mmCIF file of all heavy atoms, coordinates in Angstrom:
data_MODEL
# 
_entry.id   MODEL 
# 
loop_
_atom_site.group_PDB 
_atom_site.id 
_atom_site.type_symbol 
_atom_site.label_atom_id 
_atom_site.label_alt_id 
_atom_site.label_comp_id 
_atom_site.label_asym_id 
_atom_site.label_entity_id 
_atom_site.label_seq_id 
_atom_site.pdbx_PDB_ins_code 
_atom_site.Cartn_x 
_atom_site.Cartn_y 
_atom_site.Cartn_z 
_atom_site.occupancy 
_atom_site.B_iso_or_equiv 
_atom_site.pdbx_formal_charge 
_atom_site.auth_seq_id 
_atom_site.auth_comp_id 
_atom_site.auth_asym_id 
_atom_site.auth_atom_id 
_atom_site.pdbx_PDB_model_num 
ATOM 1   N N   . GLN A 1 1  ? -48.734 36.960 8.331  1.00 0.00 ? 1  GLN A N   1 
ATOM 2   C CA  . GLN A 1 1  ? -49.394 36.493 7.114  1.00 0.00 ? 1  GLN A CA  1 
ATOM 3   C C   . GLN A 1 1  ? -49.903 35.062 7.278  1.00 0.00 ? 1  GLN A C   1 
ATOM 4   O O   . GLN A 1 1  ? -51.023 34.744 6.864  1.00 0.00 ? 1  GLN A O   1 
ATOM 5   C CB  . GLN A 1 1  ? -48.433 36.589 5.933  1.00 0.00 ? 1  GLN A CB  1 
ATOM 6   C CG  . GLN A 1 1  ? -48.115 38.026 5.529  1.00 0.00 ? 1  GLN A CG  1 
ATOM 7   C CD  . GLN A 1 1  ? -46.976 38.119 4.532  1.00 0.00 ? 1  GLN A CD  1 
ATOM 8   O OE1 . GLN A 1 1  ? -46.052 37.288 4.544  1.00 0.00 ? 1  GLN A OE1 1 
ATOM 9   N NE2 . GLN A 1 1  ? -47.014 39.115 3.666  1.00 0.00 ? 1  GLN A NE2 1 
ATOM 10  N N   . ARG A 1 2  ? -49.099 34.203 7.889  1.00 0.00 ? 2  ARG A N   1 
ATOM 11  C CA  . ARG A 1 2  ? -49.539 32.814 8.099  1.00 0.00 ? 2  ARG A CA  1 
ATOM 12  C C   . ARG A 1 2  ? -50.763 32.755 9.006  1.00 0.00 ? 2  ARG A C   1 
ATOM 13  O O   . ARG A 1 2  ? -51.701 31.980 8.752  1.00 0.00 ? 2  ARG A O   1 
ATOM 14  C CB  . ARG A 1 2  ? -48.396 31.976 8.682  1.00 0.00 ? 2  ARG A CB  1 
ATOM 15  C CG  . ARG A 1 2  ? -47.317 31.611 7.666  1.00 0.00 ? 2  ARG A CG  1 
ATOM 16  C CD  . ARG A 1 2  ? -46.328 30.618 8.245  1.00 0.00 ? 2  ARG A CD  1 
ATOM 17  N NE  . ARG A 1 2  ? -45.527 31.186 9.323  1.00 0.00 ? 2  ARG A NE  1 
ATOM 18  C CZ  . ARG A 1 2  ? -44.407 31.866 9.151  1.00 0.00 ? 2  ARG A CZ  1 
ATOM 19  N NH1 . ARG A 1 2  ? -43.952 32.080 7.925  1.00 0.00 ? 2  ARG A NH1 1 
ATOM 20  N NH2 . ARG A 1 2  ? -43.724 32.322 10.186 1.00 0.00 ? 2  ARG A NH2 1 
ATOM 21  N N   . THR A 1 3  ? -50.759 33.571 10.046 1.00 0.00 ? 3  THR A N   1 
ATOM 22  C CA  . THR A 1 3  ? -51.899 33.570 10.959 1.00 0.00 ? 3  THR A CA  1 
ATOM 23  C C   . THR A 1 3  ? -53.157 34.057 10.252 1.00 0.00 ? 3  THR A C   1 
ATOM 24  O O   . THR A 1 3  ? -54.245 33.486 10.421 1.00 0.00 ? 3  THR A O   1 
ATOM 25  C CB  . THR A 1 3  ? -51.594 34.454 12.178 1.00 0.00 ? 3  THR A CB  1 
ATOM 26  O OG1 . THR A 1 3  ? -50.385 34.005 12.800 1.00 0.00 ? 3  THR A OG1 1 
ATOM 27  C CG2 . THR A 1 3  ? -52.723 34.407 13.187 1.00 0.00 ? 3  THR A CG2 1 
ATOM 28  N N   . LEU A 1 4  ? -53.019 35.099 9.461  1.00 0.00 ? 4  LEU A N   1 
ATOM 29  C CA  . LEU A 1 4  ? -54.170 35.598 8.707  1.00 0.00 ? 4  LEU A CA  1 
ATOM 30  C C   . LEU A 1 4  ? -54.689 34.543 7.738  1.00 0.00 ? 4  LEU A C   1 
ATOM 31  O O   . LEU A 1 4  ? -55.904 34.307 7.642  1.00 0.00 ? 4  LEU A O   1 
ATOM 32  C CB  . LEU A 1 4  ? -53.777 36.868 7.949  1.00 0.00 ? 4  LEU A CB  1 
ATOM 33  C CG  . LEU A 1 4  ? -53.609 38.132 8.804  1.00 0.00 ? 4  LEU A CG  1 
ATOM 34  C CD1 . LEU A 1 4  ? -52.875 39.213 8.024  1.00 0.00 ? 4  LEU A CD1 1 
ATOM 35  C CD2 . LEU A 1 4  ? -54.968 38.644 9.279  1.00 0.00 ? 4  LEU A CD2 1 
ATOM 36  N N   . LEU A 1 5  ? -53.780 33.886 7.033  1.00 0.00 ? 5  LEU A N   1 
ATOM 37  C CA  . LEU A 1 5  ? -54.209 32.877 6.061  1.00 0.00 ? 5  LEU A CA  1 
ATOM 38  C C   . LEU A 1 5  ? -54.827 31.668 6.744  1.00 0.00 ? 5  LEU A C   1 
ATOM 39  O O   . LEU A 1 5  ? -55.784 31.080 6.229  1.00 0.00 ? 5  LEU A O   1 
ATOM 40  C CB  . LEU A 1 5  ? -53.030 32.465 5.185  1.00 0.00 ? 5  LEU A CB  1 
ATOM 41  C CG  . LEU A 1 5  ? -52.554 33.523 4.174  1.00 0.00 ? 5  LEU A CG  1 
ATOM 42  C CD1 . LEU A 1 5  ? -51.213 33.128 3.560  1.00 0.00 ? 5  LEU A CD1 1 
ATOM 43  C CD2 . LEU A 1 5  ? -53.596 33.736 3.079  1.00 0.00 ? 5  LEU A CD2 1 
ATOM 44  N N   . ARG A 1 6  ? -54.290 31.271 7.893  1.00 0.00 ? 6  ARG A N   1 
ATOM 45  C CA  . ARG A 1 6  ? -54.916 30.162 8.626  1.00 0.00 ? 6  ARG A CA  1 
ATOM 46  C C   . ARG A 1 6  ? -56.373 30.478 8.944  1.00 0.00 ? 6  ARG A C   1 
ATOM 47  O O   . ARG A 1 6  ? -57.209 29.586 9.024  1.00 0.00 ? 6  ARG A O   1 
ATOM 48  C CB  . ARG A 1 6  ? -54.159 29.893 9.933  1.00 0.00 ? 6  ARG A CB  1 
ATOM 49  C CG  . ARG A 1 6  ? -52.835 29.177 9.774  1.00 0.00 ? 6  ARG A CG  1 
ATOM 50  C CD  . ARG A 1 6  ? -52.298 28.738 11.132 1.00 0.00 ? 6  ARG A CD  1 
ATOM 51  N NE  . ARG A 1 6  ? -50.885 28.401 11.054 1.00 0.00 ? 6  ARG A NE  1 
ATOM 52  C CZ  . ARG A 1 6  ? -49.902 29.153 11.519 1.00 0.00 ? 6  ARG A CZ  1 
ATOM 53  N NH1 . ARG A 1 6  ? -50.192 30.313 12.119 1.00 0.00 ? 6  ARG A NH1 1 
ATOM 54  N NH2 . ARG A 1 6  ? -48.644 28.782 11.408 1.00 0.00 ? 6  ARG A NH2 1 
ATOM 55  N N   . ASN A 1 7  ? -56.642 31.752 9.140  1.00 0.00 ? 7  ASN A N   1 
ATOM 56  C CA  . ASN A 1 7  ? -57.994 32.177 9.499  1.00 0.00 ? 7  ASN A CA  1 
ATOM 57  C C   . ASN A 1 7  ? -58.783 32.688 8.298  1.00 0.00 ? 7  ASN A C   1 
ATOM 58  O O   . ASN A 1 7  ? -59.808 33.352 8.476  1.00 0.00 ? 7  ASN A O   1 
ATOM 59  C CB  . ASN A 1 7  ? -57.923 33.236 10.604 1.00 0.00 ? 7  ASN A CB  1 
ATOM 60  C CG  . ASN A 1 7  ? -57.466 32.644 11.924 1.00 0.00 ? 7  ASN A CG  1 
ATOM 61  O OD1 . ASN A 1 7  ? -58.200 31.926 12.582 1.00 0.00 ? 7  ASN A OD1 1 
ATOM 62  N ND2 . ASN A 1 7  ? -56.221 32.921 12.300 1.00 0.00 ? 7  ASN A ND2 1 
ATOM 63  N N   . ASP A 1 8  ? -58.286 32.361 7.089  1.00 0.00 ? 8  ASP A N   1 
ATOM 64  C CA  . ASP A 1 8  ? -59.026 32.635 5.853  1.00 0.00 ? 8  ASP A CA  1 
ATOM 65  C C   . ASP A 1 8  ? -59.180 34.120 5.575  1.00 0.00 ? 8  ASP A C   1 
ATOM 66  O O   . ASP A 1 8  ? -60.166 34.557 4.973  1.00 0.00 ? 8  ASP A O   1 
ATOM 67  C CB  . ASP A 1 8  ? -60.400 31.956 5.893  1.00 0.00 ? 8  ASP A CB  1 
ATOM 68  C CG  . ASP A 1 8  ? -61.048 31.854 4.522  1.00 0.00 ? 8  ASP A CG  1 
ATOM 69  O OD1 . ASP A 1 8  ? -60.315 31.788 3.524  1.00 0.00 ? 8  ASP A OD1 1 
ATOM 70  O OD2 . ASP A 1 8  ? -62.293 31.852 4.454  1.00 0.00 ? 8  ASP A OD2 1 
ATOM 71  N N   . ALA A 1 9  ? -58.216 34.923 6.008  1.00 0.00 ? 9  ALA A N   1 
ATOM 72  C CA  . ALA A 1 9  ? -58.304 36.365 5.803  1.00 0.00 ? 9  ALA A CA  1 
ATOM 73  C C   . ALA A 1 9  ? -58.056 36.731 4.343  1.00 0.00 ? 9  ALA A C   1 
ATOM 74  O O   . ALA A 1 9  ? -57.638 35.909 3.528  1.00 0.00 ? 9  ALA A O   1 
ATOM 75  C CB  . ALA A 1 9  ? -57.307 37.081 6.711  1.00 0.00 ? 9  ALA A CB  1 
ATOM 76  N N   . ALA A 1 10 ? -58.334 37.998 4.040  1.00 0.00 ? 10 ALA A N   1 
ATOM 77  C CA  . ALA A 1 10 ? -58.327 38.467 2.656  1.00 0.00 ? 10 ALA A CA  1 
ATOM 78  C C   . ALA A 1 10 ? -56.934 38.909 2.223  1.00 0.00 ? 10 ALA A C   1 
ATOM 79  O O   . ALA A 1 10 ? -56.592 40.091 2.253  1.00 0.00 ? 10 ALA A O   1 
ATOM 80  C CB  . ALA A 1 10 ? -59.334 39.602 2.494  1.00 0.00 ? 10 ALA A CB  1 
ATOM 81  N N   . ILE A 1 11 ? -56.118 37.955 1.828  1.00 0.00 ? 11 ILE A N   1 
ATOM 82  C CA  . ILE A 1 11 ? -54.820 38.213 1.205  1.00 0.00 ? 11 ILE A CA  1 
ATOM 83  C C   . ILE A 1 11 ? -54.830 37.505 -0.141 1.00 0.00 ? 11 ILE A C   1 
ATOM 84  O O   . ILE A 1 11 ? -55.300 36.373 -0.248 1.00 0.00 ? 11 ILE A O   1 
ATOM 85  C CB  . ILE A 1 11 ? -53.650 37.685 2.061  1.00 0.00 ? 11 ILE A CB  1 
ATOM 86  C CG1 . ILE A 1 11 ? -53.676 38.305 3.458  1.00 0.00 ? 11 ILE A CG1 1 
ATOM 87  C CG2 . ILE A 1 11 ? -52.313 37.979 1.387  1.00 0.00 ? 11 ILE A CG2 1 
ATOM 88  C CD1 . ILE A 1 11 ? -52.595 37.772 4.383  1.00 0.00 ? 11 ILE A CD1 1 
ATOM 89  N N   . VAL A 1 12 ? -54.317 38.158 -1.153 1.00 0.00 ? 12 VAL A N   1 
ATOM 90  C CA  . VAL A 1 12 ? -54.378 37.562 -2.488 1.00 0.00 ? 12 VAL A CA  1 
ATOM 91  C C   . VAL A 1 12 ? -52.970 37.255 -2.995 1.00 0.00 ? 12 VAL A C   1 
ATOM 92  O O   . VAL A 1 12 ? -52.017 37.992 -2.737 1.00 0.00 ? 12 VAL A O   1 
ATOM 93  C CB  . VAL A 1 12 ? -55.123 38.492 -3.473 1.00 0.00 ? 12 VAL A CB  1 
ATOM 94  C CG1 . VAL A 1 12 ? -54.333 39.760 -3.756 1.00 0.00 ? 12 VAL A CG1 1 
ATOM 95  C CG2 . VAL A 1 12 ? -55.454 37.774 -4.772 1.00 0.00 ? 12 VAL A CG2 1 
ATOM 96  N N   . GLY A 1 13 ? -52.850 36.122 -3.680 1.00 0.00 ? 13 GLY A N   1 
ATOM 97  C CA  . GLY A 1 13 ? -51.599 35.761 -4.334 1.00 0.00 ? 13 GLY A CA  1 
ATOM 98  C C   . GLY A 1 13 ? -50.534 35.213 -3.423 1.00 0.00 ? 13 GLY A C   1 
ATOM 99  O O   . GLY A 1 13 ? -49.379 35.066 -3.831 1.00 0.00 ? 13 GLY A O   1 
ATOM 100 N N   . LEU A 1 14 ? -50.900 34.895 -2.185 1.00 0.00 ? 14 LEU A N   1 
ATOM 101 C CA  . LEU A 1 14 ? -49.932 34.398 -1.216 1.00 0.00 ? 14 LEU A CA  1 
ATOM 102 C C   . LEU A 1 14 ? -50.449 33.079 -0.658 1.00 0.00 ? 14 LEU A C   1 
ATOM 103 O O   . LEU A 1 14 ? -51.476 33.050 0.022  1.00 0.00 ? 14 LEU A O   1 
ATOM 104 C CB  . LEU A 1 14 ? -49.740 35.410 -0.085 1.00 0.00 ? 14 LEU A CB  1 
ATOM 105 C CG  . LEU A 1 14 ? -48.576 35.170 0.872  1.00 0.00 ? 14 LEU A CG  1 
ATOM 106 C CD1 . LEU A 1 14 ? -47.249 35.366 0.154  1.00 0.00 ? 14 LEU A CD1 1 
ATOM 107 C CD2 . LEU A 1 14 ? -48.671 36.122 2.058  1.00 0.00 ? 14 LEU A CD2 1 
ATOM 108 N N   . PRO A 1 15 ? -49.779 31.958 -0.925 1.00 0.00 ? 15 PRO A N   1 
ATOM 109 C CA  . PRO A 1 15 ? -50.254 30.679 -0.398 1.00 0.00 ? 15 PRO A CA  1 
ATOM 110 C C   . PRO A 1 15 ? -49.843 30.504 1.058  1.00 0.00 ? 15 PRO A C   1 
ATOM 111 O O   . PRO A 1 15 ? -48.828 31.035 1.511  1.00 0.00 ? 15 PRO A O   1 
ATOM 112 C CB  . PRO A 1 15 ? -49.547 29.653 -1.285 1.00 0.00 ? 15 PRO A CB  1 
ATOM 113 C CG  . PRO A 1 15 ? -48.274 30.330 -1.699 1.00 0.00 ? 15 PRO A CG  1 
ATOM 114 C CD  . PRO A 1 15 ? -48.602 31.796 -1.810 1.00 0.00 ? 15 PRO A CD  1 
ATOM 115 N N   . LEU A 1 16 ? -50.642 29.759 1.781  1.00 0.00 ? 16 LEU A N   1 
ATOM 116 C CA  . LEU A 1 16 ? -50.302 29.396 3.153  1.00 0.00 ? 16 LEU A CA  1 
ATOM 117 C C   . LEU A 1 16 ? -49.326 28.232 3.134  1.00 0.00 ? 16 LEU A C   1 
ATOM 118 O O   . LEU A 1 16 ? -49.620 27.175 2.583  1.00 0.00 ? 16 LEU A O   1 
ATOM 119 C CB  . LEU A 1 16 ? -51.568 29.011 3.924  1.00 0.00 ? 16 LEU A CB  1 
ATOM 120 C CG  . LEU A 1 16 ? -51.342 28.423 5.323  1.00 0.00 ? 16 LEU A CG  1 
ATOM 121 C CD1 . LEU A 1 16 ? -50.642 29.422 6.237  1.00 0.00 ? 16 LEU A CD1 1 
ATOM 122 C CD2 . LEU A 1 16 ? -52.658 27.959 5.927  1.00 0.00 ? 16 LEU A CD2 1 
ATOM 123 N N   . VAL A 1 17 ? -48.177 28.434 3.741  1.00 0.00 ? 17 VAL A N   1 
ATOM 124 C CA  . VAL A 1 17 ? -47.203 27.356 3.941  1.00 0.00 ? 17 VAL A CA  1 
ATOM 125 C C   . VAL A 1 17 ? -47.204 27.066 5.440  1.00 0.00 ? 17 VAL A C   1 
ATOM 126 O O   . VAL A 1 17 ? -46.677 27.837 6.237  1.00 0.00 ? 17 VAL A O   1 
ATOM 127 C CB  . VAL A 1 17 ? -45.805 27.760 3.447  1.00 0.00 ? 17 VAL A CB  1 
ATOM 128 C CG1 . VAL A 1 17 ? -44.818 26.623 3.692  1.00 0.00 ? 17 VAL A CG1 1 
ATOM 129 C CG2 . VAL A 1 17 ? -45.845 28.131 1.971  1.00 0.00 ? 17 VAL A CG2 1 
ATOM 130 N N   . ASP A 1 18 ? -47.834 25.957 5.803  1.00 0.00 ? 18 ASP A N   1 
ATOM 131 C CA  . ASP A 1 18 ? -48.091 25.661 7.205  1.00 0.00 ? 18 ASP A CA  1 
ATOM 132 C C   . ASP A 1 18 ? -47.546 24.264 7.519  1.00 0.00 ? 18 ASP A C   1 
ATOM 133 O O   . ASP A 1 18 ? -48.174 23.250 7.209  1.00 0.00 ? 18 ASP A O   1 
ATOM 134 C CB  . ASP A 1 18 ? -49.598 25.732 7.465  1.00 0.00 ? 18 ASP A CB  1 
ATOM 135 C CG  . ASP A 1 18 ? -49.957 25.574 8.936  1.00 0.00 ? 18 ASP A CG  1 
ATOM 136 O OD1 . ASP A 1 18 ? -49.036 25.356 9.747  1.00 0.00 ? 18 ASP A OD1 1 
ATOM 137 O OD2 . ASP A 1 18 ? -51.150 25.671 9.258  1.00 0.00 ? 18 ASP A OD2 1 
ATOM 138 N N   . SER A 1 19 ? -46.388 24.209 8.143  1.00 0.00 ? 19 SER A N   1 
ATOM 139 C CA  . SER A 1 19 ? -45.749 22.922 8.430  1.00 0.00 ? 19 SER A CA  1 
ATOM 140 C C   . SER A 1 19 ? -46.544 22.099 9.439  1.00 0.00 ? 19 SER A C   1 
ATOM 141 O O   . SER A 1 19 ? -46.382 20.876 9.511  1.00 0.00 ? 19 SER A O   1 
ATOM 142 C CB  . SER A 1 19 ? -44.327 23.145 8.956  1.00 0.00 ? 19 SER A CB  1 
ATOM 143 O OG  . SER A 1 19 ? -44.355 23.936 10.134 1.00 0.00 ? 19 SER A OG  1 
ATOM 144 N N   . SER A 1 20 ? -47.404 22.739 10.203 1.00 0.00 ? 20 SER A N   1 
ATOM 145 C CA  . SER A 1 20 ? -48.196 21.994 11.180 1.00 0.00 ? 20 SER A CA  1 
ATOM 146 C C   . SER A 1 20 ? -49.432 21.340 10.566 1.00 0.00 ? 20 SER A C   1 
ATOM 147 O O   . SER A 1 20 ? -50.083 20.519 11.215 1.00 0.00 ? 20 SER A O   1 
ATOM 148 C CB  . SER A 1 20 ? -48.625 22.917 12.325 1.00 0.00 ? 20 SER A CB  1 
ATOM 149 O OG  . SER A 1 20 ? -49.441 23.963 11.840 1.00 0.00 ? 20 SER A OG  1 
ATOM 150 N N   . ASP A 1 21 ? -49.741 21.700 9.319  1.00 0.00 ? 21 ASP A N   1 
ATOM 151 C CA  . ASP A 1 21 ? -50.893 21.103 8.638  1.00 0.00 ? 21 ASP A CA  1 
ATOM 152 C C   . ASP A 1 21 ? -50.479 19.741 8.084  1.00 0.00 ? 21 ASP A C   1 
ATOM 153 O O   . ASP A 1 21 ? -49.650 19.647 7.174  1.00 0.00 ? 21 ASP A O   1 
ATOM 154 C CB  . ASP A 1 21 ? -51.359 22.026 7.511  1.00 0.00 ? 21 ASP A CB  1 
ATOM 155 C CG  . ASP A 1 21 ? -52.547 21.462 6.743  1.00 0.00 ? 21 ASP A CG  1 
ATOM 156 O OD1 . ASP A 1 21 ? -53.108 20.433 7.166  1.00 0.00 ? 21 ASP A OD1 1 
ATOM 157 O OD2 . ASP A 1 21 ? -52.901 22.066 5.707  1.00 0.00 ? 21 ASP A OD2 1 
ATOM 158 N N   . LEU A 1 22 ? -51.066 18.677 8.611  1.00 0.00 ? 22 LEU A N   1 
ATOM 159 C CA  . LEU A 1 22 ? -50.710 17.320 8.194  1.00 0.00 ? 22 LEU A CA  1 
ATOM 160 C C   . LEU A 1 22 ? -51.053 17.069 6.732  1.00 0.00 ? 22 LEU A C   1 
ATOM 161 O O   . LEU A 1 22 ? -50.463 16.187 6.089  1.00 0.00 ? 22 LEU A O   1 
ATOM 162 C CB  . LEU A 1 22 ? -51.418 16.296 9.084  1.00 0.00 ? 22 LEU A CB  1 
ATOM 163 C CG  . LEU A 1 22 ? -51.072 16.361 10.575 1.00 0.00 ? 22 LEU A CG  1 
ATOM 164 C CD1 . LEU A 1 22 ? -51.987 15.434 11.375 1.00 0.00 ? 22 LEU A CD1 1 
ATOM 165 C CD2 . LEU A 1 22 ? -49.615 15.997 10.807 1.00 0.00 ? 22 LEU A CD2 1 
ATOM 166 N N   . ALA A 1 23 ? -51.990 17.847 6.174  1.00 0.00 ? 23 ALA A N   1 
ATOM 167 C CA  . ALA A 1 23 ? -52.368 17.657 4.771  1.00 0.00 ? 23 ALA A CA  1 
ATOM 168 C C   . ALA A 1 23 ? -51.211 17.941 3.826  1.00 0.00 ? 23 ALA A C   1 
ATOM 169 O O   . ALA A 1 23 ? -51.164 17.406 2.712  1.00 0.00 ? 23 ALA A O   1 
ATOM 170 C CB  . ALA A 1 23 ? -53.553 18.556 4.425  1.00 0.00 ? 23 ALA A CB  1 
ATOM 171 N N   . SER A 1 24 ? -50.254 18.769 4.267  1.00 0.00 ? 24 SER A N   1 
ATOM 172 C CA  . SER A 1 24 ? -49.130 19.118 3.397  1.00 0.00 ? 24 SER A CA  1 
ATOM 173 C C   . SER A 1 24 ? -48.231 17.920 3.117  1.00 0.00 ? 24 SER A C   1 
ATOM 174 O O   . SER A 1 24 ? -47.466 17.930 2.143  1.00 0.00 ? 24 SER A O   1 
ATOM 175 C CB  . SER A 1 24 ? -48.310 20.251 4.027  1.00 0.00 ? 24 SER A CB  1 
ATOM 176 O OG  . SER A 1 24 ? -47.759 19.835 5.271  1.00 0.00 ? 24 SER A OG  1 
ATOM 177 N N   . ALA A 1 25 ? -48.308 16.862 3.943  1.00 0.00 ? 25 ALA A N   1 
ATOM 178 C CA  . ALA A 1 25 ? -47.487 15.660 3.745  1.00 0.00 ? 25 ALA A CA  1 
ATOM 179 C C   . ALA A 1 25 ? -48.307 14.488 3.221  1.00 0.00 ? 25 ALA A C   1 
ATOM 180 O O   . ALA A 1 25 ? -47.806 13.364 3.157  1.00 0.00 ? 25 ALA A O   1 
ATOM 181 C CB  . ALA A 1 25 ? -46.813 15.270 5.061  1.00 0.00 ? 25 ALA A CB  1 
ATOM 182 N N   . ALA A 1 26 ? -49.550 14.758 2.833  1.00 0.00 ? 26 ALA A N   1 
ATOM 183 C CA  . ALA A 1 26 ? -50.440 13.683 2.404  1.00 0.00 ? 26 ALA A CA  1 
ATOM 184 C C   . ALA A 1 26 ? -50.520 13.599 0.884  1.00 0.00 ? 26 ALA A C   1 
ATOM 185 O O   . ALA A 1 26 ? -50.243 14.561 0.168  1.00 0.00 ? 26 ALA A O   1 
ATOM 186 C CB  . ALA A 1 26 ? -51.839 13.902 2.976  1.00 0.00 ? 26 ALA A CB  1 
# 
């Protein structure tokens, strides 16, 4: 699911929780 969401795939109602994304700590 994380890989699909990183690539903007069509999943609804599920947020991407990506610890490697620096924006999450900004």
